[in-house]
mmCIF file of all heavy atoms, coordinates in Angstrom:
data_MODEL
# 
_entry.id   MODEL 
# 
loop_
_atom_site.group_PDB 
_atom_site.id 
_atom_site.type_symbol 
_atom_site.label_atom_id 
_atom_site.label_alt_id 
_atom_site.label_comp_id 
_atom_site.label_asym_id 
_atom_site.label_entity_id 
_atom_site.label_seq_id 
_atom_site.pdbx_PDB_ins_code 
_atom_site.Cartn_x 
_atom_site.Cartn_y 
_atom_site.Cartn_z 
_atom_site.occupancy 
_atom_site.B_iso_or_equiv 
_atom_site.pdbx_formal_charge 
_atom_site.auth_seq_id 
_atom_site.auth_comp_id 
_atom_site.auth_asym_id 
_atom_site.auth_atom_id 
_atom_site.pdbx_PDB_model_num 
ATOM 1   N N   . LYS A 1 1  ? -100.385 22.107 -89.021  1.00 0.00 ? 1  LYS A N   1 
ATOM 2   C CA  . LYS A 1 1  ? -100.767 22.857 -90.216  1.00 0.00 ? 1  LYS A CA  1 
ATOM 3   C C   . LYS A 1 1  ? -102.299 22.866 -90.364  1.00 0.00 ? 1  LYS A C   1 
ATOM 4   O O   . LYS A 1 1  ? -103.009 21.996 -89.826  1.00 0.00 ? 1  LYS A O   1 
ATOM 5   C CB  . LYS A 1 1  ? -100.151 22.139 -91.473  1.00 0.00 ? 1  LYS A CB  1 
ATOM 6   C CG  . LYS A 1 1  ? -98.613  22.328 -91.499  1.00 0.00 ? 1  LYS A CG  1 
ATOM 7   C CD  . LYS A 1 1  ? -97.999  21.749 -92.754  1.00 0.00 ? 1  LYS A CD  1 
ATOM 8   C CE  . LYS A 1 1  ? -96.476  21.977 -92.723  1.00 0.00 ? 1  LYS A CE  1 
ATOM 9   N NZ  . LYS A 1 1  ? -95.812  21.421 -93.951  1.00 0.00 ? 1  LYS A NZ  1 
ATOM 10  N N   . HIS A 1 2  ? -102.748 23.814 -91.098  1.00 0.00 ? 2  HIS A N   1 
ATOM 11  C CA  . HIS A 1 2  ? -104.210 24.079 -91.226  1.00 0.00 ? 2  HIS A CA  1 
ATOM 12  C C   . HIS A 1 2  ? -104.663 23.877 -92.647  1.00 0.00 ? 2  HIS A C   1 
ATOM 13  O O   . HIS A 1 2  ? -104.386 24.729 -93.527  1.00 0.00 ? 2  HIS A O   1 
ATOM 14  C CB  . HIS A 1 2  ? -104.535 25.473 -90.699  1.00 0.00 ? 2  HIS A CB  1 
ATOM 15  C CG  . HIS A 1 2  ? -105.968 25.866 -90.895  1.00 0.00 ? 2  HIS A CG  1 
ATOM 16  N ND1 . HIS A 1 2  ? -106.340 27.195 -90.841  1.00 0.00 ? 2  HIS A ND1 1 
ATOM 17  C CD2 . HIS A 1 2  ? -107.045 25.136 -91.021  1.00 0.00 ? 2  HIS A CD2 1 
ATOM 18  C CE1 . HIS A 1 2  ? -107.656 27.259 -90.926  1.00 0.00 ? 2  HIS A CE1 1 
ATOM 19  N NE2 . HIS A 1 2  ? -108.126 26.008 -91.108  1.00 0.00 ? 2  HIS A NE2 1 
ATOM 20  N N   . HIS A 1 3  ? -105.343 22.792 -92.947  1.00 0.00 ? 3  HIS A N   1 
ATOM 21  C CA  . HIS A 1 3  ? -105.869 22.529 -94.244  1.00 0.00 ? 3  HIS A CA  1 
ATOM 22  C C   . HIS A 1 3  ? -107.405 22.304 -94.158  1.00 0.00 ? 3  HIS A C   1 
ATOM 23  O O   . HIS A 1 3  ? -108.160 22.765 -94.950  1.00 0.00 ? 3  HIS A O   1 
ATOM 24  C CB  . HIS A 1 3  ? -105.264 21.300 -94.922  1.00 0.00 ? 3  HIS A CB  1 
ATOM 25  C CG  . HIS A 1 3  ? -103.805 21.248 -94.952  1.00 0.00 ? 3  HIS A CG  1 
ATOM 26  N ND1 . HIS A 1 3  ? -103.004 22.192 -95.501  1.00 0.00 ? 3  HIS A ND1 1 
ATOM 27  C CD2 . HIS A 1 3  ? -102.889 20.408 -94.313  1.00 0.00 ? 3  HIS A CD2 1 
ATOM 28  C CE1 . HIS A 1 3  ? -101.717 21.945 -95.300  1.00 0.00 ? 3  HIS A CE1 1 
ATOM 29  N NE2 . HIS A 1 3  ? -101.686 20.861 -94.543  1.00 0.00 ? 3  HIS A NE2 1 
ATOM 30  N N   . PHE A 1 4  ? -107.738 21.620 -93.078  1.00 0.00 ? 4  PHE A N   1 
ATOM 31  C CA  . PHE A 1 4  ? -109.158 21.149 -92.927  1.00 0.00 ? 4  PHE A CA  1 
ATOM 32  C C   . PHE A 1 4  ? -109.935 22.173 -92.023  1.00 0.00 ? 4  PHE A C   1 
ATOM 33  O O   . PHE A 1 4  ? -109.362 22.964 -91.268  1.00 0.00 ? 4  PHE A O   1 
ATOM 34  C CB  . PHE A 1 4  ? -109.250 19.849 -92.219  1.00 0.00 ? 4  PHE A CB  1 
ATOM 35  C CG  . PHE A 1 4  ? -108.635 18.695 -93.036  1.00 0.00 ? 4  PHE A CG  1 
ATOM 36  C CD1 . PHE A 1 4  ? -107.583 17.984 -92.531  1.00 0.00 ? 4  PHE A CD1 1 
ATOM 37  C CD2 . PHE A 1 4  ? -109.152 18.366 -94.278  1.00 0.00 ? 4  PHE A CD2 1 
ATOM 38  C CE1 . PHE A 1 4  ? -107.032 16.974 -93.255  1.00 0.00 ? 4  PHE A CE1 1 
ATOM 39  C CE2 . PHE A 1 4  ? -108.622 17.329 -94.999  1.00 0.00 ? 4  PHE A CE2 1 
ATOM 40  C CZ  . PHE A 1 4  ? -107.540 16.592 -94.497  1.00 0.00 ? 4  PHE A CZ  1 
ATOM 41  N N   . ASN A 1 5  ? -111.253 22.161 -92.203  1.00 0.00 ? 5  ASN A N   1 
ATOM 42  C CA  . ASN A 1 5  ? -112.116 23.044 -91.442  1.00 0.00 ? 5  ASN A CA  1 
ATOM 43  C C   . ASN A 1 5  ? -113.437 22.345 -91.161  1.00 0.00 ? 5  ASN A C   1 
ATOM 44  O O   . ASN A 1 5  ? -113.890 21.418 -91.880  1.00 0.00 ? 5  ASN A O   1 
ATOM 45  C CB  . ASN A 1 5  ? -112.424 24.341 -92.225  1.00 0.00 ? 5  ASN A CB  1 
ATOM 46  C CG  . ASN A 1 5  ? -111.147 25.047 -92.646  1.00 0.00 ? 5  ASN A CG  1 
ATOM 47  O OD1 . ASN A 1 5  ? -110.708 25.893 -91.904  1.00 0.00 ? 5  ASN A OD1 1 
ATOM 48  N ND2 . ASN A 1 5  ? -110.655 24.766 -93.815  1.00 0.00 ? 5  ASN A ND2 1 
ATOM 49  N N   . GLU A 1 6  ? -114.107 22.864 -90.121  1.00 0.00 ? 6  GLU A N   1 
ATOM 50  C CA  . GLU A 1 6  ? -115.495 22.543 -89.927  1.00 0.00 ? 6  GLU A CA  1 
ATOM 51  C C   . GLU A 1 6  ? -116.299 23.820 -90.262  1.00 0.00 ? 6  GLU A C   1 
ATOM 52  O O   . GLU A 1 6  ? -115.910 24.914 -89.937  1.00 0.00 ? 6  GLU A O   1 
ATOM 53  C CB  . GLU A 1 6  ? -115.832 22.146 -88.440  1.00 0.00 ? 6  GLU A CB  1 
ATOM 54  C CG  . GLU A 1 6  ? -117.176 21.734 -88.175  1.00 0.00 ? 6  GLU A CG  1 
ATOM 55  C CD  . GLU A 1 6  ? -117.417 21.301 -86.733  1.00 0.00 ? 6  GLU A CD  1 
ATOM 56  O OE1 . GLU A 1 6  ? -116.578 21.615 -85.880  1.00 0.00 ? 6  GLU A OE1 1 
ATOM 57  O OE2 . GLU A 1 6  ? -118.410 20.580 -86.484  1.00 0.00 ? 6  GLU A OE2 1 
ATOM 58  N N   . VAL A 1 7  ? -117.358 23.612 -91.022  1.00 0.00 ? 7  VAL A N   1 
ATOM 59  C CA  . VAL A 1 7  ? -118.184 24.765 -91.453  1.00 0.00 ? 7  VAL A CA  1 
ATOM 60  C C   . VAL A 1 7  ? -119.567 24.605 -90.827  1.00 0.00 ? 7  VAL A C   1 
ATOM 61  O O   . VAL A 1 7  ? -120.259 23.586 -91.056  1.00 0.00 ? 7  VAL A O   1 
ATOM 62  C CB  . VAL A 1 7  ? -118.313 24.790 -92.986  1.00 0.00 ? 7  VAL A CB  1 
ATOM 63  C CG1 . VAL A 1 7  ? -119.149 25.972 -93.463  1.00 0.00 ? 7  VAL A CG1 1 
ATOM 64  C CG2 . VAL A 1 7  ? -116.941 24.860 -93.677  1.00 0.00 ? 7  VAL A CG2 1 
ATOM 65  N N   . ILE A 1 8  ? -119.932 25.627 -90.019  1.00 0.00 ? 8  ILE A N   1 
ATOM 66  C CA  . ILE A 1 8  ? -121.215 25.553 -89.300  1.00 0.00 ? 8  ILE A CA  1 
ATOM 67  C C   . ILE A 1 8  ? -122.194 26.565 -89.912  1.00 0.00 ? 8  ILE A C   1 
ATOM 68  O O   . ILE A 1 8  ? -121.884 27.669 -90.183  1.00 0.00 ? 8  ILE A O   1 
ATOM 69  C CB  . ILE A 1 8  ? -121.002 26.015 -87.808  1.00 0.00 ? 8  ILE A CB  1 
ATOM 70  C CG1 . ILE A 1 8  ? -119.835 25.208 -87.199  1.00 0.00 ? 8  ILE A CG1 1 
ATOM 71  C CG2 . ILE A 1 8  ? -122.270 25.812 -87.042  1.00 0.00 ? 8  ILE A CG2 1 
ATOM 72  C CD1 . ILE A 1 8  ? -120.039 23.750 -87.026  1.00 0.00 ? 8  ILE A CD1 1 
ATOM 73  N N   . PHE A 1 9  ? -123.425 26.105 -90.164  1.00 0.00 ? 9  PHE A N   1 
ATOM 74  C CA  . PHE A 1 9  ? -124.470 26.928 -90.697  1.00 0.00 ? 9  PHE A CA  1 
ATOM 75  C C   . PHE A 1 9  ? -125.487 27.211 -89.620  1.00 0.00 ? 9  PHE A C   1 
ATOM 76  O O   . PHE A 1 9  ? -126.008 26.345 -88.976  1.00 0.00 ? 9  PHE A O   1 
ATOM 77  C CB  . PHE A 1 9  ? -125.243 26.266 -91.873  1.00 0.00 ? 9  PHE A CB  1 
ATOM 78  C CG  . PHE A 1 9  ? -124.338 25.787 -93.012  1.00 0.00 ? 9  PHE A CG  1 
ATOM 79  C CD1 . PHE A 1 9  ? -124.130 24.467 -93.213  1.00 0.00 ? 9  PHE A CD1 1 
ATOM 80  C CD2 . PHE A 1 9  ? -123.716 26.712 -93.796  1.00 0.00 ? 9  PHE A CD2 1 
ATOM 81  C CE1 . PHE A 1 9  ? -123.304 24.029 -94.242  1.00 0.00 ? 9  PHE A CE1 1 
ATOM 82  C CE2 . PHE A 1 9  ? -122.897 26.335 -94.823  1.00 0.00 ? 9  PHE A CE2 1 
ATOM 83  C CZ  . PHE A 1 9  ? -122.720 24.981 -95.066  1.00 0.00 ? 9  PHE A CZ  1 
ATOM 84  N N   . ASP A 1 10 ? -125.763 28.488 -89.414  1.00 0.00 ? 10 ASP A N   1 
ATOM 85  C CA  . ASP A 1 10 ? -126.847 28.897 -88.497  1.00 0.00 ? 10 ASP A CA  1 
ATOM 86  C C   . ASP A 1 10 ? -127.826 29.828 -89.275  1.00 0.00 ? 10 ASP A C   1 
ATOM 87  O O   . ASP A 1 10 ? -127.682 30.987 -89.368  1.00 0.00 ? 10 ASP A O   1 
ATOM 88  C CB  . ASP A 1 10 ? -126.192 29.696 -87.351  1.00 0.00 ? 10 ASP A CB  1 
ATOM 89  C CG  . ASP A 1 10 ? -127.231 30.110 -86.343  1.00 0.00 ? 10 ASP A CG  1 
ATOM 90  O OD1 . ASP A 1 10 ? -128.402 29.700 -86.325  1.00 0.00 ? 10 ASP A OD1 1 
ATOM 91  O OD2 . ASP A 1 10 ? -126.902 30.901 -85.406  1.00 0.00 ? 10 ASP A OD2 1 
ATOM 92  N N   . GLU A 1 11 ? -128.812 29.133 -89.914  1.00 0.00 ? 11 GLU A N   1 
ATOM 93  C CA  . GLU A 1 11 ? -129.848 29.801 -90.696  1.00 0.00 ? 11 GLU A CA  1 
ATOM 94  C C   . GLU A 1 11 ? -129.164 30.694 -91.822  1.00 0.00 ? 11 GLU A C   1 
ATOM 95  O O   . GLU A 1 11 ? -129.599 31.744 -92.132  1.00 0.00 ? 11 GLU A O   1 
ATOM 96  C CB  . GLU A 1 11 ? -130.676 30.713 -89.755  1.00 0.00 ? 11 GLU A CB  1 
ATOM 97  C CG  . GLU A 1 11 ? -131.493 30.007 -88.733  1.00 0.00 ? 11 GLU A CG  1 
ATOM 98  C CD  . GLU A 1 11 ? -132.685 29.262 -89.381  1.00 0.00 ? 11 GLU A CD  1 
ATOM 99  O OE1 . GLU A 1 11 ? -133.431 29.817 -90.192  1.00 0.00 ? 11 GLU A OE1 1 
ATOM 100 O OE2 . GLU A 1 11 ? -132.881 28.070 -89.012  1.00 0.00 ? 11 GLU A OE2 1 
ATOM 101 N N   . ALA A 1 12 ? -128.099 30.119 -92.363  1.00 0.00 ? 12 ALA A N   1 
ATOM 102 C CA  . ALA A 1 12 ? -127.412 30.808 -93.471  1.00 0.00 ? 12 ALA A CA  1 
ATOM 103 C C   . ALA A 1 12 ? -128.300 30.903 -94.696  1.00 0.00 ? 12 ALA A C   1 
ATOM 104 O O   . ALA A 1 12 ? -128.870 29.865 -95.113  1.00 0.00 ? 12 ALA A O   1 
ATOM 105 C CB  . ALA A 1 12 ? -126.124 30.098 -93.802  1.00 0.00 ? 12 ALA A CB  1 
ATOM 106 N N   . PHE A 1 13 ? -128.395 32.044 -95.278  1.00 0.00 ? 13 PHE A N   1 
ATOM 107 C CA  . PHE A 1 13 ? -129.311 32.218 -96.447  1.00 0.00 ? 13 PHE A CA  1 
ATOM 108 C C   . PHE A 1 13 ? -128.604 31.968 -97.707  1.00 0.00 ? 13 PHE A C   1 
ATOM 109 O O   . PHE A 1 13 ? -127.505 32.472 -97.945  1.00 0.00 ? 13 PHE A O   1 
ATOM 110 C CB  . PHE A 1 13 ? -129.865 33.630 -96.455  1.00 0.00 ? 13 PHE A CB  1 
ATOM 111 C CG  . PHE A 1 13 ? -130.851 33.936 -97.521  1.00 0.00 ? 13 PHE A CG  1 
ATOM 112 C CD1 . PHE A 1 13 ? -132.158 33.450 -97.495  1.00 0.00 ? 13 PHE A CD1 1 
ATOM 113 C CD2 . PHE A 1 13 ? -130.471 34.673 -98.633  1.00 0.00 ? 13 PHE A CD2 1 
ATOM 114 C CE1 . PHE A 1 13 ? -133.053 33.683 -98.494  1.00 0.00 ? 13 PHE A CE1 1 
ATOM 115 C CE2 . PHE A 1 13 ? -131.340 34.947 -99.691  1.00 0.00 ? 13 PHE A CE2 1 
ATOM 116 C CZ  . PHE A 1 13 ? -132.628 34.428 -99.596  1.00 0.00 ? 13 PHE A CZ  1 
ATOM 117 N N   . VAL A 1 14 ? -129.271 31.160 -98.534  1.00 0.00 ? 14 VAL A N   1 
ATOM 118 C CA  . VAL A 1 14 ? -128.790 30.909 -99.953  1.00 0.00 ? 14 VAL A CA  1 
ATOM 119 C C   . VAL A 1 14 ? -129.885 31.310 -100.913 1.00 0.00 ? 14 VAL A C   1 
ATOM 120 O O   . VAL A 1 14 ? -131.037 30.803 -100.861 1.00 0.00 ? 14 VAL A O   1 
ATOM 121 C CB  . VAL A 1 14 ? -128.453 29.375 -100.163 1.00 0.00 ? 14 VAL A CB  1 
ATOM 122 C CG1 . VAL A 1 14 ? -127.993 29.212 -101.578 1.00 0.00 ? 14 VAL A CG1 1 
ATOM 123 C CG2 . VAL A 1 14 ? -127.401 28.956 -99.148  1.00 0.00 ? 14 VAL A CG2 1 
ATOM 124 N N   . PRO A 1 15 ? -129.665 32.279 -101.802 1.00 0.00 ? 15 PRO A N   1 
ATOM 125 C CA  . PRO A 1 15 ? -130.711 32.743 -102.707 1.00 0.00 ? 15 PRO A CA  1 
ATOM 126 C C   . PRO A 1 15 ? -131.116 31.621 -103.712 1.00 0.00 ? 15 PRO A C   1 
ATOM 127 O O   . PRO A 1 15 ? -130.333 30.730 -104.001 1.00 0.00 ? 15 PRO A O   1 
ATOM 128 C CB  . PRO A 1 15 ? -130.102 33.908 -103.436 1.00 0.00 ? 15 PRO A CB  1 
ATOM 129 C CG  . PRO A 1 15 ? -128.624 33.711 -103.263 1.00 0.00 ? 15 PRO A CG  1 
ATOM 130 C CD  . PRO A 1 15 ? -128.409 33.062 -101.967 1.00 0.00 ? 15 PRO A CD  1 
ATOM 131 N N   . ASP A 1 16 ? -132.327 31.785 -104.219 1.00 0.00 ? 16 ASP A N   1 
ATOM 132 C CA  . ASP A 1 16 ? -132.843 30.788 -105.157 1.00 0.00 ? 16 ASP A CA  1 
ATOM 133 C C   . ASP A 1 16 ? -131.869 30.559 -106.389 1.00 0.00 ? 16 ASP A C   1 
ATOM 134 O O   . ASP A 1 16 ? -131.808 29.459 -106.885 1.00 0.00 ? 16 ASP A O   1 
ATOM 135 C CB  . ASP A 1 16 ? -134.229 31.170 -105.676 1.00 0.00 ? 16 ASP A CB  1 
ATOM 136 C CG  . ASP A 1 16 ? -135.306 30.834 -104.595 1.00 0.00 ? 16 ASP A CG  1 
ATOM 137 O OD1 . ASP A 1 16 ? -135.167 29.842 -103.931 1.00 0.00 ? 16 ASP A OD1 1 
ATOM 138 O OD2 . ASP A 1 16 ? -136.320 31.571 -104.574 1.00 0.00 ? 16 ASP A OD2 1 
ATOM 139 N N   . ASP A 1 17 ? -131.211 31.618 -106.798 1.00 0.00 ? 17 ASP A N   1 
ATOM 140 C CA  . ASP A 1 17 ? -130.426 31.466 -107.974 1.00 0.00 ? 17 ASP A CA  1 
ATOM 141 C C   . ASP A 1 17 ? -129.097 30.657 -107.726 1.00 0.00 ? 17 ASP A C   1 
ATOM 142 O O   . ASP A 1 17 ? -128.285 30.436 -108.645 1.00 0.00 ? 17 ASP A O   1 
ATOM 143 C CB  . ASP A 1 17 ? -130.069 32.793 -108.672 1.00 0.00 ? 17 ASP A CB  1 
ATOM 144 C CG  . ASP A 1 17 ? -129.287 33.744 -107.838 1.00 0.00 ? 17 ASP A CG  1 
ATOM 145 O OD1 . ASP A 1 17 ? -128.953 33.382 -106.658 1.00 0.00 ? 17 ASP A OD1 1 
ATOM 146 O OD2 . ASP A 1 17 ? -129.030 34.896 -108.340 1.00 0.00 ? 17 ASP A OD2 1 
ATOM 147 N N   . MET A 1 18 ? -128.875 30.271 -106.437 1.00 0.00 ? 18 MET A N   1 
ATOM 148 C CA  . MET A 1 18 ? -127.749 29.479 -106.048 1.00 0.00 ? 18 MET A CA  1 
ATOM 149 C C   . MET A 1 18 ? -128.129 28.084 -105.678 1.00 0.00 ? 18 MET A C   1 
ATOM 150 O O   . MET A 1 18 ? -127.300 27.295 -105.155 1.00 0.00 ? 18 MET A O   1 
ATOM 151 C CB  . MET A 1 18 ? -126.959 30.133 -104.933 1.00 0.00 ? 18 MET A CB  1 
ATOM 152 C CG  . MET A 1 18 ? -126.191 31.402 -105.359 1.00 0.00 ? 18 MET A CG  1 
ATOM 153 S SD  . MET A 1 18 ? -124.870 31.108 -106.655 1.00 0.00 ? 18 MET A SD  1 
ATOM 154 C CE  . MET A 1 18 ? -125.615 31.988 -108.047 1.00 0.00 ? 18 MET A CE  1 
ATOM 155 N N   . VAL A 1 19 ? -129.403 27.748 -105.957 1.00 0.00 ? 19 VAL A N   1 
ATOM 156 C CA  . VAL A 1 19 ? -129.739 26.298 -105.914 1.00 0.00 ? 19 VAL A CA  1 
ATOM 157 C C   . VAL A 1 19 ? -128.996 25.580 -107.060 1.00 0.00 ? 19 VAL A C   1 
ATOM 158 O O   . VAL A 1 19 ? -129.052 26.050 -108.183 1.00 0.00 ? 19 VAL A O   1 
ATOM 159 C CB  . VAL A 1 19 ? -131.267 26.082 -106.104 1.00 0.00 ? 19 VAL A CB  1 
ATOM 160 C CG1 . VAL A 1 19 ? -131.585 24.581 -106.262 1.00 0.00 ? 19 VAL A CG1 1 
ATOM 161 C CG2 . VAL A 1 19 ? -132.030 26.649 -104.911 1.00 0.00 ? 19 VAL A CG2 1 
ATOM 162 N N   . PHE A 1 20 ? -128.299 24.517 -106.745 1.00 0.00 ? 20 PHE A N   1 
ATOM 163 C CA  . PHE A 1 20 ? -127.485 23.845 -107.711 1.00 0.00 ? 20 PHE A CA  1 
ATOM 164 C C   . PHE A 1 20 ? -128.180 22.583 -108.247 1.00 0.00 ? 20 PHE A C   1 
ATOM 165 O O   . PHE A 1 20 ? -128.436 21.697 -107.500 1.00 0.00 ? 20 PHE A O   1 
ATOM 166 C CB  . PHE A 1 20 ? -126.157 23.495 -107.135 1.00 0.00 ? 20 PHE A CB  1 
ATOM 167 C CG  . PHE A 1 20 ? -125.155 22.949 -108.133 1.00 0.00 ? 20 PHE A CG  1 
ATOM 168 C CD1 . PHE A 1 20 ? -124.680 23.733 -109.135 1.00 0.00 ? 20 PHE A CD1 1 
ATOM 169 C CD2 . PHE A 1 20 ? -124.663 21.662 -108.080 1.00 0.00 ? 20 PHE A CD2 1 
ATOM 170 C CE1 . PHE A 1 20 ? -123.744 23.269 -110.086 1.00 0.00 ? 20 PHE A CE1 1 
ATOM 171 C CE2 . PHE A 1 20 ? -123.740 21.187 -109.046 1.00 0.00 ? 20 PHE A CE2 1 
ATOM 172 C CZ  . PHE A 1 20 ? -123.310 22.009 -110.054 1.00 0.00 ? 20 PHE A CZ  1 
ATOM 173 N N   . GLY A 1 21 ? -128.501 22.612 -109.545 1.00 0.00 ? 21 GLY A N   1 
ATOM 174 C CA  . GLY A 1 21 ? -129.279 21.503 -110.107 1.00 0.00 ? 21 GLY A CA  1 
ATOM 175 C C   . GLY A 1 21 ? -130.722 21.541 -109.726 1.00 0.00 ? 21 GLY A C   1 
ATOM 176 O O   . GLY A 1 21 ? -131.319 22.683 -109.620 1.00 0.00 ? 21 GLY A O   1 
ATOM 177 N N   . THR A 1 22 ? -131.276 20.421 -109.428 1.00 0.00 ? 22 THR A N   1 
ATOM 178 C CA  . THR A 1 22 ? -132.757 20.352 -109.135 1.00 0.00 ? 22 THR A CA  1 
ATOM 179 C C   . THR A 1 22 ? -132.912 19.926 -107.671 1.00 0.00 ? 22 THR A C   1 
ATOM 180 O O   . THR A 1 22 ? -132.292 19.012 -107.221 1.00 0.00 ? 22 THR A O   1 
ATOM 181 C CB  . THR A 1 22 ? -133.358 19.263 -110.063 1.00 0.00 ? 22 THR A CB  1 
ATOM 182 O OG1 . THR A 1 22 ? -133.156 19.637 -111.438 1.00 0.00 ? 22 THR A OG1 1 
ATOM 183 C CG2 . THR A 1 22 ? -134.869 19.168 -109.836 1.00 0.00 ? 22 THR A CG2 1 
ATOM 184 N N   . ILE A 1 23 ? -133.896 20.608 -107.015 1.00 0.00 ? 23 ILE A N   1 
ATOM 185 C CA  . ILE A 1 23 ? -134.217 20.260 -105.584 1.00 0.00 ? 23 ILE A CA  1 
ATOM 186 C C   . ILE A 1 23 ? -134.685 18.773 -105.642 1.00 0.00 ? 23 ILE A C   1 
ATOM 187 O O   . ILE A 1 23 ? -135.564 18.354 -106.389 1.00 0.00 ? 23 ILE A O   1 
ATOM 188 C CB  . ILE A 1 23 ? -135.319 21.146 -105.050 1.00 0.00 ? 23 ILE A CB  1 
ATOM 189 C CG1 . ILE A 1 23 ? -134.771 22.620 -104.920 1.00 0.00 ? 23 ILE A CG1 1 
ATOM 190 C CG2 . ILE A 1 23 ? -135.836 20.606 -103.794 1.00 0.00 ? 23 ILE A CG2 1 
ATOM 191 C CD1 . ILE A 1 23 ? -133.640 22.712 -103.867 1.00 0.00 ? 23 ILE A CD1 1 
ATOM 192 N N   . GLY A 1 24 ? -134.065 18.011 -104.717 1.00 0.00 ? 24 GLY A N   1 
ATOM 193 C CA  . GLY A 1 24 ? -134.434 16.590 -104.580 1.00 0.00 ? 24 GLY A CA  1 
ATOM 194 C C   . GLY A 1 24 ? -133.550 15.622 -105.394 1.00 0.00 ? 24 GLY A C   1 
ATOM 195 O O   . GLY A 1 24 ? -133.618 14.421 -105.153 1.00 0.00 ? 24 GLY A O   1 
ATOM 196 N N   . ASP A 1 25 ? -132.748 16.154 -106.290 1.00 0.00 ? 25 ASP A N   1 
ATOM 197 C CA  . ASP A 1 25 ? -131.832 15.331 -107.097 1.00 0.00 ? 25 ASP A CA  1 
ATOM 198 C C   . ASP A 1 25 ? -130.368 15.320 -106.618 1.00 0.00 ? 25 ASP A C   1 
ATOM 199 O O   . ASP A 1 25 ? -129.453 14.967 -107.348 1.00 0.00 ? 25 ASP A O   1 
ATOM 200 C CB  . ASP A 1 25 ? -131.839 15.840 -108.525 1.00 0.00 ? 25 ASP A CB  1 
ATOM 201 C CG  . ASP A 1 25 ? -133.151 15.390 -109.244 1.00 0.00 ? 25 ASP A CG  1 
ATOM 202 O OD1 . ASP A 1 25 ? -133.964 14.643 -108.674 1.00 0.00 ? 25 ASP A OD1 1 
ATOM 203 O OD2 . ASP A 1 25 ? -133.313 15.778 -110.432 1.00 0.00 ? 25 ASP A OD2 1 
ATOM 204 N N   . GLY A 1 26 ? -130.182 15.757 -105.348 1.00 0.00 ? 26 GLY A N   1 
ATOM 205 C CA  . GLY A 1 26 ? -128.793 15.956 -104.870 1.00 0.00 ? 26 GLY A CA  1 
ATOM 206 C C   . GLY A 1 26 ? -127.999 14.630 -104.882 1.00 0.00 ? 26 GLY A C   1 
ATOM 207 O O   . GLY A 1 26 ? -126.811 14.644 -105.221 1.00 0.00 ? 26 GLY A O   1 
# 
């Protein structure tokens, strides 16, 4: 069965309005 995944990022772009919370407070 398939529930889990590996997610690979290759220079994936995230716009500034999708920063979650405050940079550095992760």
